[in-house]
C-alpha atoms as a PDB file:
ATOM      1  CA  MET A   1     179.789  -7.366 -47.994  1.00  0.00           C
ATOM      2  CA  SER A   2     178.214  -6.230 -44.741  1.00  0.00           C
ATOM      3  CA  THR A   3     177.265  -2.596 -44.166  1.00  0.00           C
ATOM      4  CA  LYS A   4     179.904  -2.392 -41.428  1.00  0.00           C
ATOM      5  CA  GLU A   5     182.644  -3.648 -43.744  1.00  0.00           C
ATOM      6  CA  HIS A   6     181.498  -1.267 -46.461  1.00  0.00           C
ATOM      7  CA  GLN A   7     181.642   1.747 -44.117  1.00  0.00           C
ATOM      8  CA  SER A   8     185.189   0.918 -42.976  1.00  0.00           C
ATOM      9  CA  GLU A   9     186.651   1.188 -46.487  1.00  0.00           C
ATOM     10  CA  PRO A  10     188.599   4.445 -46.943  1.00  0.00           C
ATOM     11  CA  ILE A  11     187.308   6.872 -49.552  1.00  0.00           C
ATOM     12  CA  GLU A  12     189.706   7.356 -52.471  1.00  0.00           C
ATOM     13  CA  SER A  13     190.823  10.857 -53.362  1.00  0.00           C
ATOM     14  CA  ALA A  14     190.662  11.887 -57.019  1.00  0.00           C
ATOM     15  CA  SER A  15     194.447  11.616 -57.327  1.00  0.00           C
ATOM     16  CA  GLU A  16     194.439   8.105 -55.839  1.00  0.00           C
ATOM     17  CA  THR A  17     191.748   7.034 -58.300  1.00  0.00           C
ATOM     18  CA  LEU A  18     193.793   8.342 -61.221  1.00  0.00           C
ATOM     19  CA  GLN A  19     196.934   6.628 -59.887  1.00  0.00           C
ATOM     20  CA  ARG A  20     195.045   3.321 -59.624  1.00  0.00           C
ATOM     21  CA  ILE A  21     193.519   3.594 -63.105  1.00  0.00           C
ATOM     22  CA  PHE A  22     196.755   4.431 -64.864  1.00  0.00           C
ATOM     23  CA  ASP A  23     199.207   2.535 -62.624  1.00  0.00           C
ATOM     24  CA  GLY A  24     201.371   0.054 -64.491  1.00  0.00           C
ATOM     25  CA  HIS A  25     200.392   1.274 -67.950  1.00  0.00           C
ATOM     26  CA  GLY A  26     203.318   3.647 -68.345  1.00  0.00           C
ATOM     27  CA  SER A  27     200.937   6.453 -69.248  1.00  0.00           C
ATOM     28  CA  VAL A  28     202.603   9.871 -69.161  1.00  0.00           C
ATOM     29  CA  LEU A  29     199.170  11.495 -69.420  1.00  0.00           C
ATOM     30  CA  GLY A  30     197.857   9.458 -66.495  1.00  0.00           C
ATOM     31  CA  SER A  31     200.868  10.338 -64.376  1.00  0.00           C
ATOM     32  CA  GLN A  32     200.473  14.021 -65.248  1.00  0.00           C
ATOM     33  CA  MET A  33     196.751  13.980 -64.433  1.00  0.00           C
ATOM     34  CA  ALA A  34     197.424  12.292 -61.102  1.00  0.00           C
ATOM     35  CA  ASP A  35     200.124  14.848 -60.296  1.00  0.00           C
ATOM     36  CA  GLU A  36     197.840  17.785 -61.166  1.00  0.00           C
ATOM     37  CA  SER A  37     194.974  16.326 -59.140  1.00  0.00           C
ATOM     38  CA  SER A  38     197.229  15.794 -56.145  1.00  0.00           C
ATOM     39  CA  ARG A  39     198.638  19.338 -56.359  1.00  0.00           C
ATOM     40  CA  TYR A  40     195.112  20.751 -56.689  1.00  0.00           C
ATOM     41  CA  ASP A  41     193.994  18.830 -53.580  1.00  0.00           C
ATOM     42  CA  VAL A  42     196.964  20.120 -51.568  1.00  0.00           C
ATOM     43  CA  LEU A  43     196.357  23.726 -52.652  1.00  0.00           C
ATOM     44  CA  LYS A  44     192.659  23.518 -51.852  1.00  0.00           C
ATOM     45  CA  LYS A  45     193.413  22.394 -48.295  1.00  0.00           C
ATOM     46  CA  THR A  46     196.220  24.894 -47.668  1.00  0.00           C
ATOM     47  CA  ASP A  47     195.582  28.146 -45.825  1.00  0.00           C
ATOM     48  CA  PHE A  48     197.387  31.123 -47.300  1.00  0.00           C
ATOM     49  CA  PRO A  49     198.920  33.317 -44.562  1.00  0.00           C
ATOM     50  CA  LYS A  50     198.033  37.003 -44.797  1.00  0.00           C
ATOM     51  CA  PRO A  51     200.741  39.663 -44.535  1.00  0.00           C
ATOM     52  CA  GLN A  52     200.845  41.827 -41.408  1.00  0.00           C
ATOM     53  CA  ARG A  53     200.445  44.919 -43.545  1.00  0.00           C
ATOM     54  CA  THR A  54     199.681  45.781 -47.159  1.00  0.00           C
ATOM     55  CA  ARG A  55     202.232  44.541 -49.667  1.00  0.00           C
ATOM     56  CA  ARG A  56     202.548  46.879 -52.661  1.00  0.00           C
ATOM     57  CA  ILE A  57     204.006  45.069 -55.680  1.00  0.00           C
ATOM     58  CA  ALA A  58     204.722  46.334 -59.209  1.00  0.00           C
ATOM     59  CA  VAL A  59     204.977  43.659 -61.910  1.00  0.00           C
ATOM     60  CA  ALA A  60     207.420  44.796 -64.578  1.00  0.00           C
ATOM     61  CA  ASN A  61     209.662  43.680 -67.399  1.00  0.00           C
ATOM     62  CA  GLN A  62     210.265  45.960 -70.363  1.00  0.00           C
ATOM     63  CA  LYS A  63     210.691  42.875 -72.561  1.00  0.00           C
ATOM     64  CA  GLY A  64     207.275  42.086 -74.040  1.00  0.00           C
ATOM     65  CA  GLY A  65     205.673  38.650 -74.135  1.00  0.00           C
ATOM     66  CA  VAL A  66     207.130  37.301 -70.897  1.00  0.00           C
ATOM     67  CA  GLY A  67     203.814  36.745 -69.114  1.00  0.00           C
ATOM     68  CA  LYS A  68     203.817  39.995 -67.159  1.00  0.00           C
ATOM     69  CA  THR A  69     200.107  40.792 -67.293  1.00  0.00           C
ATOM     70  CA  THR A  70     199.212  37.099 -67.081  1.00  0.00           C
ATOM     71  CA  SER A  71     201.277  36.813 -63.894  1.00  0.00           C
ATOM     72  CA  THR A  72     199.751  39.963 -62.385  1.00  0.00           C
ATOM     73  CA  VAL A  73     196.189  38.854 -63.045  1.00  0.00           C
ATOM     74  CA  ASN A  74     196.531  35.225 -62.015  1.00  0.00           C
ATOM     75  CA  THR A  75     198.660  35.772 -58.925  1.00  0.00           C
ATOM     76  CA  ALA A  76     196.179  38.405 -57.730  1.00  0.00           C
ATOM     77  CA  ALA A  77     193.213  36.137 -58.528  1.00  0.00           C
ATOM     78  CA  ALA A  78     194.831  33.151 -56.772  1.00  0.00           C
ATOM     79  CA  LEU A  79     195.386  35.207 -53.616  1.00  0.00           C
ATOM     80  CA  ALA A  80     191.834  36.620 -53.731  1.00  0.00           C
ATOM     81  CA  ASN A  81     190.495  33.111 -54.258  1.00  0.00           C
ATOM     82  CA  LYS A  82     192.092  32.138 -50.925  1.00  0.00           C
ATOM     83  CA  GLY A  83     190.509  35.041 -49.052  1.00  0.00           C
ATOM     84  CA  ALA A  84     192.991  37.894 -49.452  1.00  0.00           C
ATOM     85  CA  GLN A  85     191.720  41.413 -50.174  1.00  0.00           C
ATOM     86  CA  VAL A  86     193.542  42.442 -53.342  1.00  0.00           C
ATOM     87  CA  LEU A  87     193.715  45.600 -55.469  1.00  0.00           C
ATOM     88  CA  VAL A  88     195.016  45.449 -59.052  1.00  0.00           C
ATOM     89  CA  ILE A  89     195.958  48.735 -60.723  1.00  0.00           C
ATOM     90  CA  ASP A  90     196.307  48.465 -64.496  1.00  0.00           C
ATOM     91  CA  MET A  91     198.991  50.907 -65.680  1.00  0.00           C
ATOM     92  CA  ASP A  92     199.288  49.507 -69.205  1.00  0.00           C
ATOM     93  CA  PRO A  93     197.393  51.532 -71.874  1.00  0.00           C
ATOM     94  CA  GLN A  94     196.587  48.238 -73.637  1.00  0.00           C
ATOM     95  CA  GLY A  95     194.329  47.407 -70.679  1.00  0.00           C
ATOM     96  CA  ASN A  96     194.966  43.655 -70.906  1.00  0.00           C
ATOM     97  CA  ALA A  97     194.805  43.153 -67.131  1.00  0.00           C
ATOM     98  CA  SER A  98     191.436  44.909 -67.104  1.00  0.00           C
ATOM     99  CA  THR A  99     190.198  42.608 -69.876  1.00  0.00           C
ATOM    100  CA  ALA A 100     191.388  39.455 -68.103  1.00  0.00           C
ATOM    101  CA  LEU A 101     189.651  40.477 -64.885  1.00  0.00           C
ATOM    102  CA  GLY A 102     186.337  41.137 -66.641  1.00  0.00           C
ATOM    103  CA  VAL A 103     186.357  44.902 -66.143  1.00  0.00           C
ATOM    104  CA  SER A 104     185.154  47.381 -68.786  1.00  0.00           C
ATOM    105  CA  HIS A 105     187.836  49.814 -69.956  1.00  0.00           C
ATOM    106  CA  ALA A 106     186.665  51.545 -73.119  1.00  0.00           C
ATOM    107  CA  SER A 107     188.117  54.920 -74.049  1.00  0.00           C
ATOM    108  CA  GLY A 108     186.396  57.693 -72.121  1.00  0.00           C
ATOM    109  CA  GLU A 109     185.312  55.479 -69.212  1.00  0.00           C
ATOM    110  CA  PRO A 110     186.642  56.247 -65.715  1.00  0.00           C
ATOM    111  CA  SER A 111     190.120  54.746 -65.389  1.00  0.00           C
ATOM    112  CA  VAL A 112     193.590  55.175 -63.924  1.00  0.00           C
ATOM    113  CA  TYR A 113     194.135  57.866 -66.584  1.00  0.00           C
ATOM    114  CA  ASP A 114     191.727  60.149 -64.698  1.00  0.00           C
ATOM    115  CA  VAL A 115     193.655  59.454 -61.477  1.00  0.00           C
ATOM    116  CA  ILE A 116     197.045  60.286 -63.036  1.00  0.00           C
ATOM    117  CA  GLU A 117     195.565  63.459 -64.535  1.00  0.00           C
ATOM    118  CA  GLY A 118     194.154  64.475 -61.140  1.00  0.00           C
ATOM    119  CA  ARG A 119     190.486  64.465 -62.186  1.00  0.00           C
ATOM    120  CA  SER A 120     189.452  61.507 -60.003  1.00  0.00           C
ATOM    121  CA  ASP A 121     190.461  59.807 -56.784  1.00  0.00           C
ATOM    122  CA  LEU A 122     191.510  56.175 -56.970  1.00  0.00           C
ATOM    123  CA  GLY A 123     188.366  55.079 -55.102  1.00  0.00           C
ATOM    124  CA  ASP A 124     186.179  56.706 -57.770  1.00  0.00           C
ATOM    125  CA  VAL A 125     187.400  54.419 -60.542  1.00  0.00           C
ATOM    126  CA  ILE A 126     187.606  51.067 -58.722  1.00  0.00           C
ATOM    127  CA  THR A 127     185.510  48.158 -60.019  1.00  0.00           C
ATOM    128  CA  VAL A 128     185.066  44.746 -58.390  1.00  0.00           C
ATOM    129  CA  CYS A 129     186.170  41.721 -60.430  1.00  0.00           C
ATOM    130  CA  PRO A 130     183.008  39.714 -61.214  1.00  0.00           C
ATOM    131  CA  ASP A 131     184.722  36.375 -60.406  1.00  0.00           C
ATOM    132  CA  PHE A 132     186.208  37.270 -57.005  1.00  0.00           C
ATOM    133  CA  PRO A 133     184.422  39.599 -54.555  1.00  0.00           C
ATOM    134  CA  THR A 134     187.670  40.457 -52.729  1.00  0.00           C
ATOM    135  CA  LEU A 135     189.493  41.502 -55.914  1.00  0.00           C
ATOM    136  CA  ASP A 136     189.217  45.197 -56.810  1.00  0.00           C
ATOM    137  CA  VAL A 137     190.453  46.593 -60.124  1.00  0.00           C
ATOM    138  CA  VAL A 138     191.492  50.057 -61.299  1.00  0.00           C
ATOM    139  CA  PRO A 139     191.142  49.727 -65.085  1.00  0.00           C
ATOM    140  CA  ALA A 140     193.314  51.282 -67.802  1.00  0.00           C
ATOM    141  CA  SER A 141     192.217  52.384 -71.243  1.00  0.00           C
ATOM    142  CA  ILE A 142     194.023  53.511 -74.386  1.00  0.00           C
ATOM    143  CA  ASP A 143     193.584  57.080 -73.085  1.00  0.00           C
ATOM    144  CA  LEU A 144     196.492  56.401 -70.716  1.00  0.00           C
ATOM    145  CA  SER A 145     198.916  56.361 -73.656  1.00  0.00           C
ATOM    146  CA  GLY A 146     198.800  60.168 -73.760  1.00  0.00           C
ATOM    147  CA  ALA A 147     199.434  60.638 -70.056  1.00  0.00           C
ATOM    148  CA  GLU A 148     203.237  60.532 -70.238  1.00  0.00           C
ATOM    149  CA  LEU A 149     203.350  63.623 -72.438  1.00  0.00           C
ATOM    150  CA  GLU A 150     200.531  65.428 -70.628  1.00  0.00           C
ATOM    151  CA  VAL A 151     202.122  65.222 -67.172  1.00  0.00           C
ATOM    152  CA  ALA A 152     205.771  65.453 -68.286  1.00  0.00           C
ATOM    153  CA  ASP A 153     206.171  69.047 -67.058  1.00  0.00           C
ATOM    154  CA  LEU A 154     204.617  68.521 -63.608  1.00  0.00           C
ATOM    155  CA  PRO A 155     207.144  68.734 -60.755  1.00  0.00           C
ATOM    156  CA  ASN A 156     205.620  65.619 -59.107  1.00  0.00           C
ATOM    157  CA  ARG A 157     205.240  63.679 -62.372  1.00  0.00           C
ATOM    158  CA  ASN A 158     207.052  60.620 -60.958  1.00  0.00           C
ATOM    159  CA  THR A 159     204.906  60.307 -57.829  1.00  0.00           C
ATOM    160  CA  LEU A 160     201.378  60.978 -59.131  1.00  0.00           C
ATOM    161  CA  LEU A 161     200.265  57.366 -58.644  1.00  0.00           C
ATOM    162  CA  LYS A 162     201.976  57.060 -55.246  1.00  0.00           C
ATOM    163  CA  GLU A 163     200.160  60.152 -53.942  1.00  0.00           C
ATOM    164  CA  ALA A 164     196.796  58.844 -55.176  1.00  0.00           C
ATOM    165  CA  LEU A 165     197.416  55.347 -53.762  1.00  0.00           C
ATOM    166  CA  ASP A 166     198.670  56.638 -50.399  1.00  0.00           C
ATOM    167  CA  LEU A 167     195.567  58.824 -50.055  1.00  0.00           C
ATOM    168  CA  TYR A 168     193.195  55.999 -51.003  1.00  0.00           C
ATOM    169  CA  LEU A 169     194.749  53.435 -48.645  1.00  0.00           C
ATOM    170  CA  ARG A 170     194.602  55.937 -45.764  1.00  0.00           C
ATOM    171  CA  GLN A 171     190.951  56.771 -46.364  1.00  0.00           C
ATOM    172  CA  SER A 172     189.559  53.395 -47.496  1.00  0.00           C
ATOM    173  CA  ASP A 173     187.392  51.319 -45.177  1.00  0.00           C
ATOM    174  CA  LYS A 174     188.954  48.210 -46.738  1.00  0.00           C
ATOM    175  CA  HIS A 175     192.286  46.824 -45.625  1.00  0.00           C
ATOM    176  CA  TYR A 176     194.140  45.442 -48.629  1.00  0.00           C
ATOM    177  CA  ASP A 177     196.534  42.549 -48.154  1.00  0.00           C
ATOM    178  CA  TYR A 178     198.082  43.117 -51.577  1.00  0.00           C
ATOM    179  CA  VAL A 179     198.233  45.854 -54.196  1.00  0.00           C
ATOM    180  CA  PHE A 180     199.515  44.749 -57.608  1.00  0.00           C
ATOM    181  CA  ILE A 181     200.385  47.230 -60.345  1.00  0.00           C
ATOM    182  CA  ASP A 182     200.633  45.891 -63.898  1.00  0.00           C
ATOM    183  CA  CYS A 183     203.216  47.921 -65.820  1.00  0.00           C
ATOM    184  CA  PRO A 184     203.518  48.478 -69.573  1.00  0.00           C
ATOM    185  CA  PRO A 185     206.425  46.761 -71.385  1.00  0.00           C
ATOM    186  CA  SER A 186     208.653  49.858 -71.315  1.00  0.00           C
ATOM    187  CA  LEU A 187     210.769  51.889 -68.919  1.00  0.00           C
ATOM    188  CA  GLY A 188     208.909  55.187 -69.281  1.00  0.00           C
ATOM    189  CA  LEU A 189     207.081  57.526 -66.938  1.00  0.00           C
ATOM    190  CA  LEU A 190     204.196  55.126 -66.251  1.00  0.00           C
ATOM    191  CA  VAL A 191     206.614  52.451 -65.029  1.00  0.00           C
ATOM    192  CA  ILE A 192     208.520  55.011 -62.921  1.00  0.00           C
ATOM    193  CA  ASN A 193     205.182  55.993 -61.337  1.00  0.00           C
ATOM    194  CA  ALA A 194     204.487  52.367 -60.513  1.00  0.00           C
ATOM    195  CA  MET A 195     207.962  51.856 -59.009  1.00  0.00           C
ATOM    196  CA  CYS A 196     207.541  54.953 -56.841  1.00  0.00           C
ATOM    197  CA  ALA A 197     204.107  53.804 -55.621  1.00  0.00           C
ATOM    198  CA  VAL A 198     205.221  50.361 -54.354  1.00  0.00           C
ATOM    199  CA  THR A 199     207.769  48.786 -52.058  1.00  0.00           C
ATOM    200  CA  GLU A 200     208.331  45.613 -54.096  1.00  0.00           C
ATOM    201  CA  MET A 201     209.011  44.481 -57.641  1.00  0.00           C
ATOM    202  CA  LEU A 202     207.912  41.158 -59.137  1.00  0.00           C
ATOM    203  CA  ILE A 203     209.790  40.371 -62.343  1.00  0.00           C
ATOM    204  CA  PRO A 204     208.458  37.612 -64.648  1.00  0.00           C
ATOM    205  CA  ILE A 205     211.193  35.973 -66.757  1.00  0.00           C
ATOM    206  CA  GLN A 206     210.446  33.795 -69.765  1.00  0.00           C
ATOM    207  CA  ALA A 207     212.261  30.458 -69.887  1.00  0.00           C
ATOM    208  CA  GLU A 208     214.034  31.120 -73.179  1.00  0.00           C
ATOM    209  CA  TYR A 209     217.531  31.822 -74.487  1.00  0.00           C
ATOM    210  CA  TYR A 210     217.242  35.622 -74.227  1.00  0.00           C
ATOM    211  CA  ALA A 211     215.689  35.542 -70.766  1.00  0.00           C
ATOM    212  CA  LEU A 212     218.400  37.590 -69.070  1.00  0.00           C
ATOM    213  CA  GLU A 213     218.779  40.006 -71.985  1.00  0.00           C
ATOM    214  CA  GLY A 214     217.322  43.327 -70.890  1.00  0.00           C
ATOM    215  CA  LEU A 215     217.068  42.226 -67.263  1.00  0.00           C
ATOM    216  CA  GLY A 216     220.232  44.207 -66.534  1.00  0.00           C
ATOM    217  CA  GLN A 217     218.596  47.330 -67.970  1.00  0.00           C
ATOM    218  CA  LEU A 218     215.517  46.818 -65.786  1.00  0.00           C
ATOM    219  CA  ILE A 219     217.657  46.246 -62.669  1.00  0.00           C
ATOM    220  CA  ASN A 220     219.586  49.424 -63.540  1.00  0.00           C
ATOM    221  CA  THR A 221     216.352  51.438 -63.810  1.00  0.00           C
ATOM    222  CA  ILE A 222     215.166  50.033 -60.474  1.00  0.00           C
ATOM    223  CA  GLY A 223     218.521  51.107 -59.002  1.00  0.00           C
ATOM    224  CA  LEU A 224     218.021  54.669 -60.268  1.00  0.00           C
ATOM    225  CA  VAL A 225     214.514  54.783 -58.770  1.00  0.00           C
ATOM    226  CA  GLN A 226     215.911  53.491 -55.458  1.00  0.00           C
ATOM    227  CA  GLU A 227     218.622  56.131 -55.505  1.00  0.00           C
ATOM    228  CA  HIS A 228     216.494  59.131 -56.396  1.00  0.00           C
ATOM    229  CA  PHE A 229     212.865  58.454 -55.434  1.00  0.00           C
ATOM    230  CA  ASN A 230     212.165  55.263 -53.485  1.00  0.00           C
ATOM    231  CA  PRO A 231     215.058  53.959 -51.349  1.00  0.00           C
ATOM    232  CA  VAL A 232     213.007  51.099 -49.830  1.00  0.00           C
ATOM    233  CA  LEU A 233     212.084  49.570 -53.208  1.00  0.00           C
ATOM    234  CA  LEU A 234     212.974  45.889 -53.183  1.00  0.00           C
ATOM    235  CA  VAL A 235     213.115  43.298 -55.963  1.00  0.00           C
ATOM    236  CA  SER A 236     211.352  40.687 -53.853  1.00  0.00           C
ATOM    237  CA  THR A 237     210.247  38.115 -56.431  1.00  0.00           C
ATOM    238  CA  MET A 238     211.206  36.638 -59.790  1.00  0.00           C
ATOM    239  CA  LEU A 239     208.917  34.158 -61.495  1.00  0.00           C
ATOM    240  CA  VAL A 240     209.998  31.947 -64.412  1.00  0.00           C
ATOM    241  CA  THR A 241     207.173  31.686 -66.962  1.00  0.00           C
ATOM    242  CA  MET A 242     206.465  29.649 -70.126  1.00  0.00           C
ATOM    243  CA  PHE A 243     208.525  26.834 -68.645  1.00  0.00           C
ATOM    244  CA  ASP A 244     208.663  23.519 -70.506  1.00  0.00           C
ATOM    245  CA  ARG A 245     210.051  20.833 -68.237  1.00  0.00           C
ATOM    246  CA  ARG A 246     210.639  18.533 -71.235  1.00  0.00           C
ATOM    247  CA  THR A 247     213.352  20.809 -72.642  1.00  0.00           C
ATOM    248  CA  LEU A 248     216.895  21.177 -71.425  1.00  0.00           C
ATOM    249  CA  LEU A 249     216.796  24.878 -72.345  1.00  0.00           C
ATOM    250  CA  SER A 250     213.993  25.671 -69.893  1.00  0.00           C
ATOM    251  CA  ARG A 251     215.821  23.916 -67.076  1.00  0.00           C
ATOM    252  CA  GLU A 252     219.088  25.662 -67.947  1.00  0.00           C
ATOM    253  CA  VAL A 253     217.434  29.098 -67.987  1.00  0.00           C
ATOM    254  CA  TYR A 254     215.753  28.409 -64.652  1.00  0.00           C
ATOM    255  CA  ASN A 255     219.022  27.238 -63.095  1.00  0.00           C
ATOM    256  CA  GLU A 256     220.885  30.266 -64.454  1.00  0.00           C
ATOM    257  CA  VAL A 257     218.333  32.745 -63.105  1.00  0.00           C
ATOM    258  CA  LYS A 258     218.172  30.876 -59.796  1.00  0.00           C
ATOM    259  CA  GLY A 259     221.960  30.934 -59.638  1.00  0.00           C
ATOM    260  CA  HIS A 260     222.042  34.712 -60.110  1.00  0.00           C
ATOM    261  CA  TYR A 261     219.167  35.480 -57.723  1.00  0.00           C
ATOM    262  CA  PRO A 262     218.841  32.457 -55.392  1.00  0.00           C
ATOM    263  CA  SER A 263     216.806  34.138 -52.656  1.00  0.00           C
ATOM    264  CA  ILE A 264     214.155  35.797 -54.831  1.00  0.00           C
ATOM    265  CA  VAL A 265     213.398  33.318 -57.652  1.00  0.00           C
ATOM    266  CA  LEU A 266     210.293  31.301 -56.779  1.00  0.00           C
ATOM    267  CA  ASN A 267     210.598  27.517 -56.759  1.00  0.00           C
ATOM    268  CA  THR A 268     207.323  27.405 -58.699  1.00  0.00           C
ATOM    269  CA  THR A 269     207.522  27.773 -62.466  1.00  0.00           C
ATOM    270  CA  ILE A 270     204.634  28.614 -64.789  1.00  0.00           C
ATOM    271  CA  PRO A 271     204.240  26.191 -67.729  1.00  0.00           C
ATOM    272  CA  ARG A 272     203.102  26.976 -71.235  1.00  0.00           C
ATOM    273  CA  SER A 273     199.374  26.299 -71.222  1.00  0.00           C
ATOM    274  CA  VAL A 274     196.599  26.723 -73.776  1.00  0.00           C
ATOM    275  CA  LYS A 275     194.120  27.475 -70.973  1.00  0.00           C
ATOM    276  CA  ILE A 276     196.282  30.324 -69.640  1.00  0.00           C
ATOM    277  CA  SER A 277     196.271  31.859 -73.137  1.00  0.00           C
ATOM    278  CA  GLU A 278     192.551  31.234 -73.688  1.00  0.00           C
ATOM    279  CA  ALA A 279     191.265  32.663 -70.405  1.00  0.00           C
ATOM    280  CA  PRO A 280     191.534  36.405 -71.260  1.00  0.00           C
ATOM    281  CA  SER A 281     189.409  35.921 -74.388  1.00  0.00           C
ATOM    282  CA  PHE A 282     186.602  34.950 -71.986  1.00  0.00           C
ATOM    283  CA  SER A 283     187.381  37.998 -69.788  1.00  0.00           C
ATOM    284  CA  GLN A 284     188.634  35.734 -67.026  1.00  0.00           C
ATOM    285  CA  SER A 285     191.775  34.794 -65.164  1.00  0.00           C
ATOM    286  CA  VAL A 286     192.819  31.161 -65.557  1.00  0.00           C
ATOM    287  CA  ILE A 287     192.003  30.771 -61.833  1.00  0.00           C
ATOM    288  CA  ALA A 288     188.322  31.305 -62.688  1.00  0.00           C
ATOM    289  CA  TYR A 289     188.358  29.857 -66.213  1.00  0.00           C
ATOM    290  CA  ASP A 290     190.071  26.525 -65.542  1.00  0.00           C
ATOM    291  CA  PRO A 291     190.518  26.190 -61.766  1.00  0.00           C
ATOM    292  CA  ARG A 292     191.646  22.539 -61.810  1.00  0.00           C
ATOM    293  CA  GLY A 293     194.067  22.947 -64.730  1.00  0.00           C
ATOM    294  CA  ILE A 294     197.845  23.076 -64.567  1.00  0.00           C
ATOM    295  CA  GLY A 295     197.942  26.829 -65.228  1.00  0.00           C
ATOM    296  CA  ALA A 296     195.682  27.682 -62.281  1.00  0.00           C
ATOM    297  CA  ILE A 297     197.487  25.196 -60.052  1.00  0.00           C
ATOM    298  CA  SER A 298     200.891  26.660 -60.911  1.00  0.00           C
ATOM    299  CA  TYR A 299     199.774  30.245 -60.293  1.00  0.00           C
ATOM    300  CA  GLY A 300     198.149  29.074 -57.057  1.00  0.00           C
ATOM    301  CA  GLU A 301     201.451  27.563 -55.945  1.00  0.00           C
ATOM    302  CA  ALA A 302     203.330  30.742 -56.926  1.00  0.00           C
ATOM    303  CA  ALA A 303     200.821  32.830 -54.949  1.00  0.00           C
ATOM    304  CA  LEU A 304     201.277  30.539 -51.942  1.00  0.00           C
ATOM    305  CA  GLU A 305     205.057  31.002 -52.085  1.00  0.00           C
ATOM    306  CA  ILE A 306     204.599  34.778 -52.266  1.00  0.00           C
ATOM    307  CA  ALA A 307     202.231  34.671 -49.287  1.00  0.00           C
ATOM    308  CA  GLN A 308     204.571  32.477 -47.251  1.00  0.00           C
ATOM    309  CA  ARG A 309     207.476  34.861 -47.866  1.00  0.00           C
ATOM    310  CA  SER A 310     205.539  37.911 -46.623  1.00  0.00           C
ATOM    311  CA  GLN A 311     207.160  38.276 -43.211  1.00  0.00           C
ATOM    312  CA  GLN A 312     210.671  37.906 -44.574  1.00  0.00           C
ATOM    313  CA  VAL A 313     209.998  40.498 -47.298  1.00  0.00           C
ATOM    314  CA  LEU A 314     208.359  42.985 -44.924  1.00  0.00           C
ATOM    315  CA  ASP A 315     211.271  42.630 -42.480  1.00  0.00           C
ATOM    316  CA  THR A 316     213.723  43.364 -45.315  1.00  0.00           C
ATOM    317  CA  ILE A 317     211.731  46.460 -46.325  1.00  0.00           C
ATOM    318  CA  ASP A 318     211.734  47.659 -42.709  1.00  0.00           C
ATOM    319  CA  ALA A 319     215.502  47.188 -42.526  1.00  0.00           C
ATOM    320  CA  ARG A 320     215.941  49.305 -45.653  1.00  0.00           C
ATOM    321  CA  ARG A 321     213.607  51.956 -44.248  1.00  0.00           C
ATOM    322  CA  ASN A 322     215.552  52.152 -40.989  1.00  0.00           C
ATOM    323  CA  LYS A 323     218.974  52.554 -42.622  1.00  0.00           C
END
């Protein structure tokens, strides 16, 4: 073959190579690998639009084990990985979001507890995630578990976080594209503080039989917060997690949730993945731990959908504000 002929041959992408290797062999694994590689290539080339102003999003579901913290951490990391400036505030005394983002949060260390108690400003307790330079974290420690009782008698007990966040965003030299608040699996004072501090709610829903059980209670609580404290609060996003496309049940749950909330359920679903579960034990998001894996790809696609919906969501919030 001449040099000229050699140079004219197109270079295969990784997904094309996998397709060629496994083509005709009926390999489910090969097909899946090719699909993942193709989706990874598309994501890598796609620019994520930035919102015109800061989006403030609380991630909540009082039902435990639905992928709430996992979704907070990985959506935030996926957006930061594509150049967004992101702040994650951990409001769960378990501190799992802090762990997954590689941030120290031992009892007695500066944390969101000191902010809620009024001893520190938000900027004083921020740490940068070691994996993503544009991802800032306000850690939580077990100390936060006592905060609900300690501030219960304060007249502004529901808006302590909002006041601290408003002050920080006004004074900070950084412009944040997104603020995510990871809530504990409850409907107590810490969650009310988070709902008062944001303009949006992201609700993760597990693809299982009881998925919608308890969702009504959460929607009711959001309604009470809208009525009494935060009239612009919007449920902007629902994300179906732990989805298994091989099972009829997962597809039925997704279709039911999508049928109830067609405009806010993301098209992207998050699959069950060993790597997603493993990542926090290495103090990392799955975006950093296994960037080419299906978990990171899925959260990347979810983050892209959230980014692409920014203008529509901000317009809806403005309409609520101007009522």
